[in-house]
Amino acid sequence: MLEEDAVELAKSVLAKLGLRATWHPVRVRFGINTIKAMKQPSVPGVVLKENDIFFVDIAPRYEAWEGDGGATFVVGHDEQLERCARNAEELFHEVREAWRRHDWTGTRLYEYADQRARQMGWELNFDLPGHRLSDFPHAAIHTGSLAQAAFSPSPSRWVLEIHLRDPAERRFGAFFEDLLLDDRFYEQ
């Protein structure tokens, strides 16, 4: 499958669910495109391989309210890709737990995320620094990033974005984002 076809498929799934409006473009990134910041265009024509990594980033609007979520998936079997995808989600929850436990500022959360990413063997992409959600458009309320917030973010309003990249060869990355919520919303 071509990455461009996956984007169209994701859009059609959202439309079937009645979520036609999004506040940012639907993104699906395959392979080498998973290292790029969201505002960077994908290299066109990238095909999902037998052993590969990809992520989905959607931002549906339901009536006047914004949503945002992203996760990484691996097809086939590649231990490095699997570890990267797993670590992105694990780091999200580790940073979320630090927010819940310590009431840290957004800036401190991203400092901690950067430190932990390096300890895990990854590079944290600061081009994805978290943001606020609200009634559409959130930029009317707050335009700054979570990584620059000199205050502790409130629950249900702030999205923590974790984008890990292979620091050596920059062949792949993994992405996970969700709202800062307490544990009951993440029970497994």
Protein backbone atom coordinates (compact mmCIF):
# COMPACT_ATOMS: atom_id res chain seq x y z
CA MET A 1 0.00 0.00 0.00
CA LEU A 2 1.16 3.52 -0.76
CA GLU A 3 1.24 6.02 2.08
CA GLU A 4 -1.05 8.33 0.09
CA ASP A 5 -3.64 5.51 -0.18
CA ALA A 6 -3.46 4.96 3.59
CA VAL A 7 -4.22 8.65 4.19
CA GLU A 8 -7.30 8.39 1.95
CA LEU A 9 -8.39 5.20 3.74
CA ALA A 10 -8.06 6.89 7.14
CA LYS A 11 -10.10 9.86 5.89
CA SER A 12 -12.85 7.54 4.64
CA VAL A 13 -13.01 5.68 7.97
CA LEU A 14 -13.38 8.98 9.84
CA ALA A 15 -16.06 10.12 7.38
CA LYS A 16 -18.02 6.86 7.87
CA LEU A 17 -17.96 7.60 11.60
CA GLY A 18 -19.41 11.06 10.94
CA LEU A 19 -16.13 12.85 11.66
CA ARG A 20 -15.59 14.68 8.38
CA ALA A 21 -14.08 17.83 9.84
CA THR A 22 -10.57 17.76 11.26
CA TRP A 23 -8.56 20.64 12.62
CA HIS A 24 -5.30 19.35 11.14
CA PRO A 25 -4.73 17.06 8.16
CA VAL A 26 -5.07 13.31 8.61
CA ARG A 27 -1.56 11.91 8.68
CA VAL A 28 -0.36 8.41 8.04
CA ARG A 29 3.39 8.02 7.75
CA PHE A 30 5.26 4.91 6.52
CA GLY A 31 8.90 3.93 7.03
CA ILE A 32 11.36 6.76 6.36
CA ASN A 33 8.55 9.33 6.62
CA THR A 34 8.08 8.44 10.31
CA ILE A 35 11.14 10.56 11.20
CA LYS A 36 9.61 13.76 9.82
CA ALA A 37 7.95 16.46 11.89
CA MET A 38 4.23 16.74 11.18
CA LYS A 39 4.49 19.96 9.22
CA GLN A 40 7.13 18.50 6.91
CA PRO A 41 5.71 16.86 3.79
CA SER A 42 6.17 13.13 3.32
CA VAL A 43 8.42 11.79 0.62
CA PRO A 44 5.81 10.73 -1.97
CA GLY A 45 5.36 7.16 -3.14
CA VAL A 46 6.56 5.39 0.02
CA VAL A 47 5.20 1.84 0.15
CA LEU A 48 4.57 -0.07 3.39
CA LYS A 49 6.99 -2.98 3.41
CA GLU A 50 6.65 -6.49 4.80
CA ASN A 51 8.63 -5.51 7.93
CA ASP A 52 7.90 -1.84 8.53
CA ILE A 53 6.68 0.85 10.89
CA PHE A 54 3.90 3.39 10.43
CA PHE A 55 1.89 5.82 12.49
CA VAL A 56 -1.50 7.45 12.30
CA ASP A 57 -2.26 10.97 13.58
CA ILE A 58 -5.86 12.14 13.48
CA ALA A 59 -7.52 15.31 14.78
CA PRO A 60 -11.28 14.89 14.42
CA ARG A 61 -13.78 17.53 15.42
CA TYR A 62 -17.04 16.52 17.02
CA GLU A 63 -19.39 19.47 16.71
CA ALA A 64 -17.31 22.31 18.24
CA TRP A 65 -14.82 20.14 20.17
CA GLU A 66 -11.37 19.14 19.04
CA GLY A 67 -9.82 15.72 19.38
CA ASP A 68 -6.31 14.52 18.71
CA GLY A 69 -4.65 11.13 18.88
CA GLY A 70 -1.74 9.28 17.38
CA ALA A 71 -0.17 5.85 17.65
CA THR A 72 2.49 3.76 15.95
CA PHE A 73 2.15 0.25 14.54
CA VAL A 74 4.60 -2.33 13.24
CA VAL A 75 3.93 -4.91 10.54
CA GLY A 76 6.02 -8.05 10.22
CA HIS A 77 8.80 -8.58 12.70
CA ASP A 78 11.67 -6.20 13.35
CA GLU A 79 12.87 -5.90 16.94
CA GLN A 80 14.17 -2.32 16.56
CA LEU A 81 10.92 -1.08 15.04
CA GLU A 82 8.87 -2.89 17.68
CA ARG A 83 11.00 -1.43 20.49
CA CYS A 84 10.70 2.10 19.07
CA ALA A 85 6.90 1.87 18.80
CA ARG A 86 6.62 0.35 22.28
CA ASN A 87 8.98 2.93 23.80
CA ALA A 88 7.02 5.88 22.35
CA GLU A 89 3.85 4.74 24.13
CA GLU A 90 5.73 3.76 27.29
CA LEU A 91 7.44 7.15 27.43
CA PHE A 92 4.11 8.91 26.96
CA HIS A 93 2.73 7.10 30.00
CA GLU A 94 5.91 7.63 32.02
CA VAL A 95 5.79 11.39 31.38
CA ARG A 96 2.04 11.43 32.03
CA GLU A 97 2.68 9.72 35.37
CA ALA A 98 5.36 12.33 36.24
CA TRP A 99 2.81 15.06 35.45
CA ARG A 100 0.23 13.38 37.69
CA ARG A 101 2.68 12.71 40.55
CA HIS A 102 4.80 15.90 40.53
CA ASP A 103 2.53 18.55 39.01
CA TRP A 104 5.45 19.63 36.80
CA THR A 105 5.30 22.43 34.27
CA GLY A 106 5.02 21.57 30.60
CA THR A 107 8.64 22.63 30.14
CA ARG A 108 9.79 20.27 32.89
CA LEU A 109 7.75 17.39 31.39
CA TYR A 110 9.55 17.74 28.05
CA GLU A 111 12.95 18.06 29.74
CA TYR A 112 12.18 14.78 31.50
CA ALA A 113 10.91 13.20 28.25
CA ASP A 114 14.12 14.22 26.46
CA GLN A 115 16.30 12.75 29.21
CA ARG A 116 14.36 9.48 29.28
CA ALA A 117 14.29 9.21 25.46
CA ARG A 118 18.09 9.47 25.37
CA GLN A 119 18.38 6.85 28.12
CA MET A 120 16.19 4.56 26.00
CA GLY A 121 18.51 5.14 23.02
CA TRP A 122 16.26 7.50 21.02
CA GLU A 123 16.11 11.13 20.01
CA LEU A 124 13.03 13.13 21.08
CA ASN A 125 11.73 15.36 18.30
CA PHE A 126 11.01 18.79 19.77
CA ASP A 127 9.16 19.81 16.60
CA LEU A 128 6.18 18.06 18.22
CA PRO A 129 6.01 19.89 21.56
CA GLY A 130 2.44 19.20 22.70
CA HIS A 131 -0.46 21.62 22.59
CA ARG A 132 -3.78 22.60 24.08
CA LEU A 133 -7.17 21.34 22.90
CA SER A 134 -10.52 23.07 23.40
CA ASP A 135 -13.49 24.26 21.50
CA PHE A 136 -12.40 24.77 17.92
CA PRO A 137 -10.06 26.53 17.32
CA HIS A 138 -7.78 25.98 20.32
CA ALA A 139 -5.37 28.65 19.03
CA ALA A 140 -7.99 31.27 19.95
CA ILE A 141 -7.41 30.33 23.60
CA HIS A 142 -3.70 29.46 23.66
CA THR A 143 -1.11 29.42 20.90
CA GLY A 144 1.95 28.16 22.78
CA SER A 145 3.21 24.63 23.07
CA LEU A 146 3.14 22.35 26.09
CA ALA A 147 6.95 22.18 26.02
CA GLN A 148 7.05 25.95 26.59
CA ALA A 149 4.32 26.06 29.25
CA ALA A 150 5.73 27.52 32.48
CA PHE A 151 2.76 26.10 34.38
CA SER A 152 1.40 22.67 35.17
CA PRO A 153 -1.06 21.69 32.44
CA SER A 154 -4.63 20.94 33.43
CA PRO A 155 -6.11 17.52 32.64
CA SER A 156 -8.35 16.99 29.63
CA ARG A 157 -7.00 20.11 27.91
CA TRP A 158 -3.40 19.35 26.96
CA VAL A 159 -2.01 16.85 24.47
CA LEU A 160 1.36 15.30 25.25
CA GLU A 161 3.20 14.38 22.03
CA ILE A 162 6.06 11.90 22.02
CA HIS A 163 7.94 11.47 18.75
CA LEU A 164 11.01 9.24 18.99
CA ARG A 165 13.55 8.90 16.20
CA ASP A 166 16.46 6.61 15.47
CA PRO A 167 19.36 8.92 16.42
CA ALA A 168 22.11 7.19 14.44
CA GLU A 169 20.87 6.47 10.95
CA ARG A 170 17.51 8.32 11.09
CA ARG A 171 15.77 5.48 9.30
CA PHE A 172 12.55 5.41 11.34
CA GLY A 173 10.59 6.95 14.18
CA ALA A 174 7.56 6.32 16.35
CA PHE A 175 4.81 8.65 17.54
CA PHE A 176 2.28 8.53 20.35
CA GLU A 177 0.01 11.31 21.56
CA ASP A 178 -3.04 11.67 23.72
CA LEU A 179 -4.58 13.96 26.30
CA LEU A 180 -3.07 14.26 29.74
CA LEU A 181 -5.58 12.26 31.79
CA ASP A 182 -5.33 10.25 34.95
CA ASP A 183 -4.90 6.49 35.10
CA ARG A 184 -8.56 5.47 35.01
CA PHE A 185 -8.73 6.49 31.36
CA TYR A 186 -5.85 4.16 30.49
CA GLU A 187 -6.77 0.99 32.33
CA GLN A 188 -5.88 -2.08 30.36
